[in-house]
Amino acid sequence: MRLRRGWTPAPATVQERAAPLTEPAESRLVTRTRERHAAVHALMDHGATITVITRELHLDYKTVRKYMRAHDDEELLGHGPSGRHGVLDRHADYLVRRFAEGCHRSDLLHRELQARGVLTGERTVRRLVQRLREGGSTSAKAAPSPREVAGLLLTHPDEHTEQDKLQLKELRERCPALATTGDIVAGFAKVLVNQLGADEIDSWIATAKDSGIAELASFADGLTRDLAAVHAGVTLEWSSGQVAGQNNRISLKRLMFGRANYDLLRKMALLN
């Protein structure tokens, strides 16, 4: 901002200097998210389908589906149970105590929370009360994402934390197919890392094909199509890793940007 010559700002008053900073109001995005979530779930409560909701609210199909899947607006705003603390987690002890005292009405608990300065919807409190009636906890535990599960399976057991071990144990107990997948993946890693030889990889391929898991069987079929190279990979000390790495560096990092000839490309590849 350009100021006129000779202009000086007016001094702040004592009250202005001493006034405490107030908490900023909700942004328009937050307000719109809350309003859309309420509108979508209101139509859901009346039995409206996703097609009807899309047409009524003039929203994209994927957007409506996202709002329908979110249990409350806090989840959409990044404060829900998807790996973070919910808005009611800080008041869990109070809610459990009130429920134990016989207060099982969500509308009364909602008003009490409002009096305590908690900004949340009655629907959120109603779901919490339902979980308490069913003997659950006050926080909804989110299921791990496919990426997180894959990370647990592919990480070496020695690098697992205690929490990782407990989570993996629970996942294996609840999903036998996942337990089978984990064992087969661990066996494949053992063969590769220790280079156990052609017989071991052939045995692993047979196990994967008979596992009943389509993805593993498909991967095993792919290995059999180039079995000689696979045998070489688990028996020989040499590999094409260096060649593949250099090719990746040249093609993906775009050393030449297509602006020079082969001679310069050769020098860049050798000198870098």
Protein backbone atom coordinates (compact mmCIF):
# COMPACT_ATOMS: atom_id res chain seq x y z
CA MET A 1 0.00 0.00 0.00
CA ARG A 2 1.38 3.45 -0.96
CA LEU A 3 0.96 6.28 1.59
CA ARG A 4 0.63 9.97 0.87
CA ARG A 5 3.60 12.11 1.91
CA GLY A 6 3.09 13.67 5.30
CA TRP A 7 0.37 11.21 6.31
CA THR A 8 0.69 9.47 9.67
CA PRO A 9 -1.61 6.84 11.12
CA ALA A 10 -3.79 7.83 14.03
CA PRO A 11 -2.47 6.49 17.34
CA ALA A 12 -4.37 3.59 18.77
CA THR A 13 -6.44 4.24 21.83
CA VAL A 14 -5.63 2.64 25.13
CA GLN A 15 -8.74 0.45 24.80
CA GLU A 16 -7.68 -0.73 21.33
CA ARG A 17 -4.17 -1.52 22.49
CA ALA A 18 -5.42 -3.39 25.52
CA ALA A 19 -8.26 -5.24 23.78
CA PRO A 20 -7.67 -8.99 23.80
CA LEU A 21 -7.58 -10.88 20.54
CA THR A 22 -10.91 -12.48 19.82
CA GLU A 23 -11.32 -15.89 18.25
CA PRO A 24 -11.89 -15.57 14.49
CA ALA A 25 -15.31 -16.39 13.16
CA GLU A 26 -15.86 -19.52 11.10
CA SER A 27 -14.76 -19.20 7.51
CA ARG A 28 -17.26 -19.34 4.69
CA LEU A 29 -15.93 -22.76 3.69
CA VAL A 30 -16.55 -24.18 7.18
CA THR A 31 -20.04 -22.69 7.30
CA ARG A 32 -20.89 -24.03 3.85
CA THR A 33 -19.61 -27.49 4.79
CA ARG A 34 -21.78 -27.59 7.88
CA GLU A 35 -24.85 -26.39 5.97
CA ARG A 36 -24.37 -28.89 3.15
CA HIS A 37 -23.87 -31.77 5.56
CA ALA A 38 -27.04 -30.85 7.43
CA ALA A 39 -29.01 -30.55 4.19
CA VAL A 40 -27.77 -33.88 2.83
CA HIS A 41 -28.53 -35.78 6.03
CA ALA A 42 -31.91 -34.10 6.38
CA LEU A 43 -32.88 -35.48 2.97
CA MET A 44 -31.41 -38.85 3.92
CA ASP A 45 -33.62 -38.94 7.01
CA HIS A 46 -36.63 -38.52 4.70
CA GLY A 47 -35.54 -41.48 2.60
CA ALA A 48 -34.12 -39.55 -0.35
CA THR A 49 -31.71 -41.42 -2.63
CA ILE A 50 -28.35 -40.05 -3.70
CA THR A 51 -29.80 -39.21 -7.13
CA VAL A 52 -32.60 -37.18 -5.56
CA ILE A 53 -30.19 -35.40 -3.21
CA THR A 54 -27.88 -34.56 -6.10
CA ARG A 55 -30.75 -33.03 -8.04
CA GLU A 56 -32.27 -31.16 -5.09
CA LEU A 57 -29.02 -29.58 -3.87
CA HIS A 58 -27.41 -29.12 -7.29
CA LEU A 59 -24.25 -30.90 -6.18
CA ASP A 60 -21.96 -33.37 -7.89
CA TYR A 61 -22.66 -37.06 -7.32
CA LYS A 62 -19.25 -37.67 -5.70
CA THR A 63 -19.67 -34.65 -3.44
CA VAL A 64 -23.04 -35.90 -2.20
CA ARG A 65 -21.63 -39.35 -1.60
CA LYS A 66 -18.81 -37.86 0.50
CA TYR A 67 -21.30 -35.94 2.64
CA MET A 68 -23.52 -39.01 3.01
CA ARG A 69 -20.61 -41.13 4.25
CA ALA A 70 -19.48 -38.55 6.83
CA HIS A 71 -21.10 -39.21 10.20
CA ASP A 72 -20.89 -35.55 11.14
CA ASP A 73 -19.57 -32.26 9.81
CA GLU A 74 -16.55 -32.43 12.12
CA GLU A 75 -15.31 -35.44 10.15
CA LEU A 76 -15.44 -33.39 6.94
CA LEU A 77 -13.60 -30.53 8.61
CA GLY A 78 -10.74 -32.75 9.73
CA HIS A 79 -11.80 -33.26 13.35
CA GLY A 80 -13.68 -36.53 12.97
CA PRO A 81 -12.68 -40.10 13.75
CA SER A 82 -10.54 -40.60 10.63
CA GLY A 83 -7.28 -40.81 12.54
CA ARG A 84 -7.83 -37.56 14.52
CA HIS A 85 -9.64 -36.64 17.72
CA GLY A 86 -13.36 -36.05 17.49
CA VAL A 87 -14.98 -32.92 18.87
CA LEU A 88 -16.42 -34.90 21.81
CA ASP A 89 -13.23 -36.72 22.78
CA ARG A 90 -12.20 -33.97 25.21
CA HIS A 91 -15.53 -34.38 27.02
CA ALA A 92 -15.57 -38.18 27.09
CA ASP A 93 -15.27 -38.46 30.89
CA TYR A 94 -18.17 -36.06 31.42
CA LEU A 95 -20.41 -37.88 28.92
CA VAL A 96 -19.67 -41.30 30.39
CA ARG A 97 -20.40 -40.00 33.89
CA ARG A 98 -23.69 -38.42 32.83
CA PHE A 99 -24.72 -41.60 31.00
CA ALA A 100 -23.91 -43.68 34.09
CA GLU A 101 -26.07 -41.29 36.17
CA GLY A 102 -29.04 -42.19 33.98
CA CYS A 103 -29.06 -39.37 31.44
CA HIS A 104 -29.63 -41.32 28.21
CA ARG A 105 -31.42 -38.61 26.21
CA SER A 106 -29.28 -37.16 23.45
CA ASP A 107 -31.20 -33.87 23.38
CA LEU A 108 -30.49 -33.22 27.06
CA LEU A 109 -26.83 -34.13 26.69
CA HIS A 110 -26.61 -31.90 23.64
CA ARG A 111 -27.97 -28.91 25.59
CA GLU A 112 -25.56 -29.61 28.44
CA LEU A 113 -22.64 -29.70 26.00
CA GLN A 114 -23.77 -26.42 24.47
CA ALA A 115 -23.80 -24.89 27.95
CA ARG A 116 -20.21 -26.09 28.32
CA GLY A 117 -19.29 -24.31 25.09
CA VAL A 118 -19.08 -27.39 22.87
CA LEU A 119 -20.11 -26.70 19.27
CA THR A 120 -21.50 -29.92 17.88
CA GLY A 121 -24.71 -31.21 16.39
CA GLU A 122 -27.36 -33.25 18.16
CA ARG A 123 -26.90 -36.00 15.57
CA THR A 124 -23.31 -36.49 16.77
CA VAL A 125 -24.45 -36.77 20.39
CA ARG A 126 -27.22 -39.16 19.38
CA ARG A 127 -24.72 -41.51 17.73
CA LEU A 128 -22.48 -41.36 20.79
CA VAL A 129 -25.40 -42.26 23.08
CA GLN A 130 -26.22 -45.18 20.82
CA ARG A 131 -22.65 -46.46 21.09
CA LEU A 132 -22.81 -46.19 24.87
CA ARG A 133 -26.08 -48.12 24.93
CA GLU A 134 -24.44 -50.86 22.89
CA GLY A 135 -21.56 -51.03 25.34
CA GLY A 136 -19.03 -49.25 23.13
CA SER A 137 -16.68 -46.36 23.85
CA THR A 138 -17.23 -42.65 23.34
CA SER A 139 -14.93 -42.46 20.32
CA ALA A 140 -15.50 -44.11 16.97
CA LYS A 141 -12.46 -46.07 15.88
CA ALA A 142 -11.82 -45.60 12.18
CA ALA A 143 -10.85 -48.57 10.06
CA PRO A 144 -7.32 -48.37 8.65
CA SER A 145 -7.02 -47.41 5.00
CA PRO A 146 -5.78 -49.93 2.39
CA ARG A 147 -2.50 -48.02 2.23
CA GLU A 148 -2.03 -48.36 6.00
CA VAL A 149 -2.78 -52.09 5.90
CA ALA A 150 -0.34 -52.58 3.02
CA GLY A 151 2.29 -50.70 4.99
CA LEU A 152 1.82 -53.01 7.97
CA LEU A 153 2.15 -56.11 5.79
CA LEU A 154 5.20 -54.89 3.88
CA THR A 155 7.15 -53.52 6.84
CA HIS A 156 9.75 -55.81 8.39
CA PRO A 157 8.46 -57.22 11.72
CA ASP A 158 11.51 -55.87 13.54
CA GLU A 159 10.48 -52.32 12.56
CA HIS A 160 6.93 -52.62 13.90
CA THR A 161 6.02 -50.59 16.95
CA GLU A 162 3.97 -52.17 19.73
CA GLN A 163 0.88 -50.41 18.41
CA ASP A 164 1.59 -51.74 14.90
CA LYS A 165 1.87 -55.27 16.25
CA LEU A 166 -1.42 -55.03 18.11
CA GLN A 167 -3.20 -53.54 15.10
CA LEU A 168 -1.82 -56.17 12.74
CA LYS A 169 -2.77 -58.95 15.14
CA GLU A 170 -6.33 -57.62 15.33
CA LEU A 171 -6.58 -57.32 11.54
CA ARG A 172 -5.33 -60.87 11.03
CA GLU A 173 -7.83 -62.24 13.56
CA ARG A 174 -10.75 -60.40 11.99
CA CYS A 175 -9.83 -61.20 8.37
CA PRO A 176 -8.47 -64.71 7.63
CA ALA A 177 -7.80 -63.76 3.99
CA LEU A 178 -5.59 -60.91 5.18
CA ALA A 179 -3.72 -63.27 7.49
CA THR A 180 -3.08 -65.62 4.55
CA THR A 181 -1.95 -62.71 2.41
CA GLY A 182 0.44 -61.54 5.11
CA ASP A 183 2.04 -64.99 5.44
CA ILE A 184 2.49 -65.34 1.68
CA VAL A 185 3.91 -61.84 1.32
CA ALA A 186 6.36 -62.51 4.15
CA GLY A 187 7.41 -65.74 2.46
CA PHE A 188 8.05 -63.93 -0.82
CA ALA A 189 10.18 -61.31 0.93
CA LYS A 190 12.18 -64.05 2.66
CA VAL A 191 12.94 -65.76 -0.65
CA LEU A 192 14.02 -62.52 -2.30
CA VAL A 193 16.11 -61.07 0.51
CA ASN A 194 17.92 -64.29 1.31
CA GLN A 195 18.11 -65.50 -2.32
CA LEU A 196 16.94 -68.98 -1.36
CA GLY A 197 17.08 -70.30 -4.92
CA ALA A 198 14.87 -71.57 -7.72
CA ASP A 199 13.24 -74.39 -5.74
CA GLU A 200 12.00 -72.04 -3.04
CA ILE A 201 10.55 -69.54 -5.51
CA ASP A 202 8.84 -72.36 -7.41
CA SER A 203 7.32 -73.57 -4.14
CA TRP A 204 6.19 -70.03 -3.33
CA ILE A 205 4.55 -69.65 -6.77
CA ALA A 206 2.61 -72.88 -6.22
CA THR A 207 1.49 -71.70 -2.77
CA ALA A 208 0.33 -68.35 -4.15
CA LYS A 209 -1.66 -70.00 -6.94
CA ASP A 210 -3.40 -72.31 -4.46
CA SER A 211 -4.09 -69.58 -1.90
CA GLY A 212 -7.52 -68.74 -3.26
CA ILE A 213 -6.59 -65.05 -3.39
CA ALA A 214 -7.03 -63.84 -6.95
CA GLU A 215 -4.48 -61.03 -6.76
CA LEU A 216 -1.71 -63.30 -5.49
CA ALA A 217 -2.54 -65.98 -8.04
CA SER A 218 -2.40 -63.39 -10.82
CA PHE A 219 0.99 -62.17 -9.60
CA ALA A 220 2.29 -65.75 -9.48
CA ASP A 221 1.08 -66.33 -13.05
CA GLY A 222 3.05 -63.27 -14.13
CA LEU A 223 6.20 -64.70 -12.57
CA THR A 224 5.82 -67.98 -14.44
CA ARG A 225 5.73 -66.15 -17.77
CA ASP A 226 9.34 -65.03 -17.23
CA LEU A 227 10.50 -67.78 -14.93
CA ALA A 228 14.10 -67.83 -16.16
CA ALA A 229 14.59 -64.20 -15.15
CA VAL A 230 12.91 -64.85 -11.80
CA HIS A 231 15.26 -67.79 -11.13
CA ALA A 232 18.23 -65.60 -12.00
CA GLY A 233 17.02 -62.94 -9.60
CA VAL A 234 16.92 -65.31 -6.62
CA THR A 235 20.14 -67.21 -7.40
CA LEU A 236 22.68 -64.78 -8.94
CA GLU A 237 24.49 -61.98 -7.17
CA TRP A 238 24.15 -59.66 -10.16
CA SER A 239 21.08 -57.62 -11.01
CA SER A 240 19.92 -55.01 -13.48
CA GLY A 241 19.26 -52.55 -10.69
CA GLN A 242 21.99 -50.13 -11.71
CA VAL A 243 20.85 -50.09 -15.32
CA ALA A 244 17.22 -49.60 -14.33
CA GLY A 245 18.20 -46.84 -11.90
CA GLN A 246 20.18 -44.94 -14.52
CA ASN A 247 17.36 -45.30 -17.04
CA ASN A 248 14.89 -44.01 -14.49
CA ARG A 249 17.13 -41.06 -13.64
CA ILE A 250 17.56 -40.10 -17.28
CA SER A 251 13.92 -40.52 -18.31
CA LEU A 252 12.07 -39.30 -15.21
CA LYS A 253 14.42 -36.53 -14.11
CA ARG A 254 14.65 -35.40 -17.73
CA LEU A 255 18.32 -34.51 -17.76
CA MET A 256 18.25 -33.39 -21.39
CA PHE A 257 14.74 -31.98 -21.78
CA GLY A 258 14.92 -33.11 -25.44
CA ARG A 259 17.13 -30.19 -26.49
CA ALA A 260 20.44 -31.86 -27.42
CA ASN A 261 21.94 -34.80 -29.28
CA TYR A 262 23.18 -38.22 -28.21
CA ASP A 263 26.76 -37.09 -27.54
CA LEU A 264 25.69 -34.63 -24.88
CA LEU A 265 23.21 -37.12 -23.43
CA ARG A 266 26.06 -39.66 -23.10
CA LYS A 267 28.26 -37.15 -21.27
CA MET A 268 25.45 -36.12 -18.94
CA ALA A 269 24.69 -39.75 -18.09
CA LEU A 270 28.34 -40.62 -17.42
CA LEU A 271 29.24 -37.47 -15.49
CA ASN A 272 26.14 -37.37 -13.34
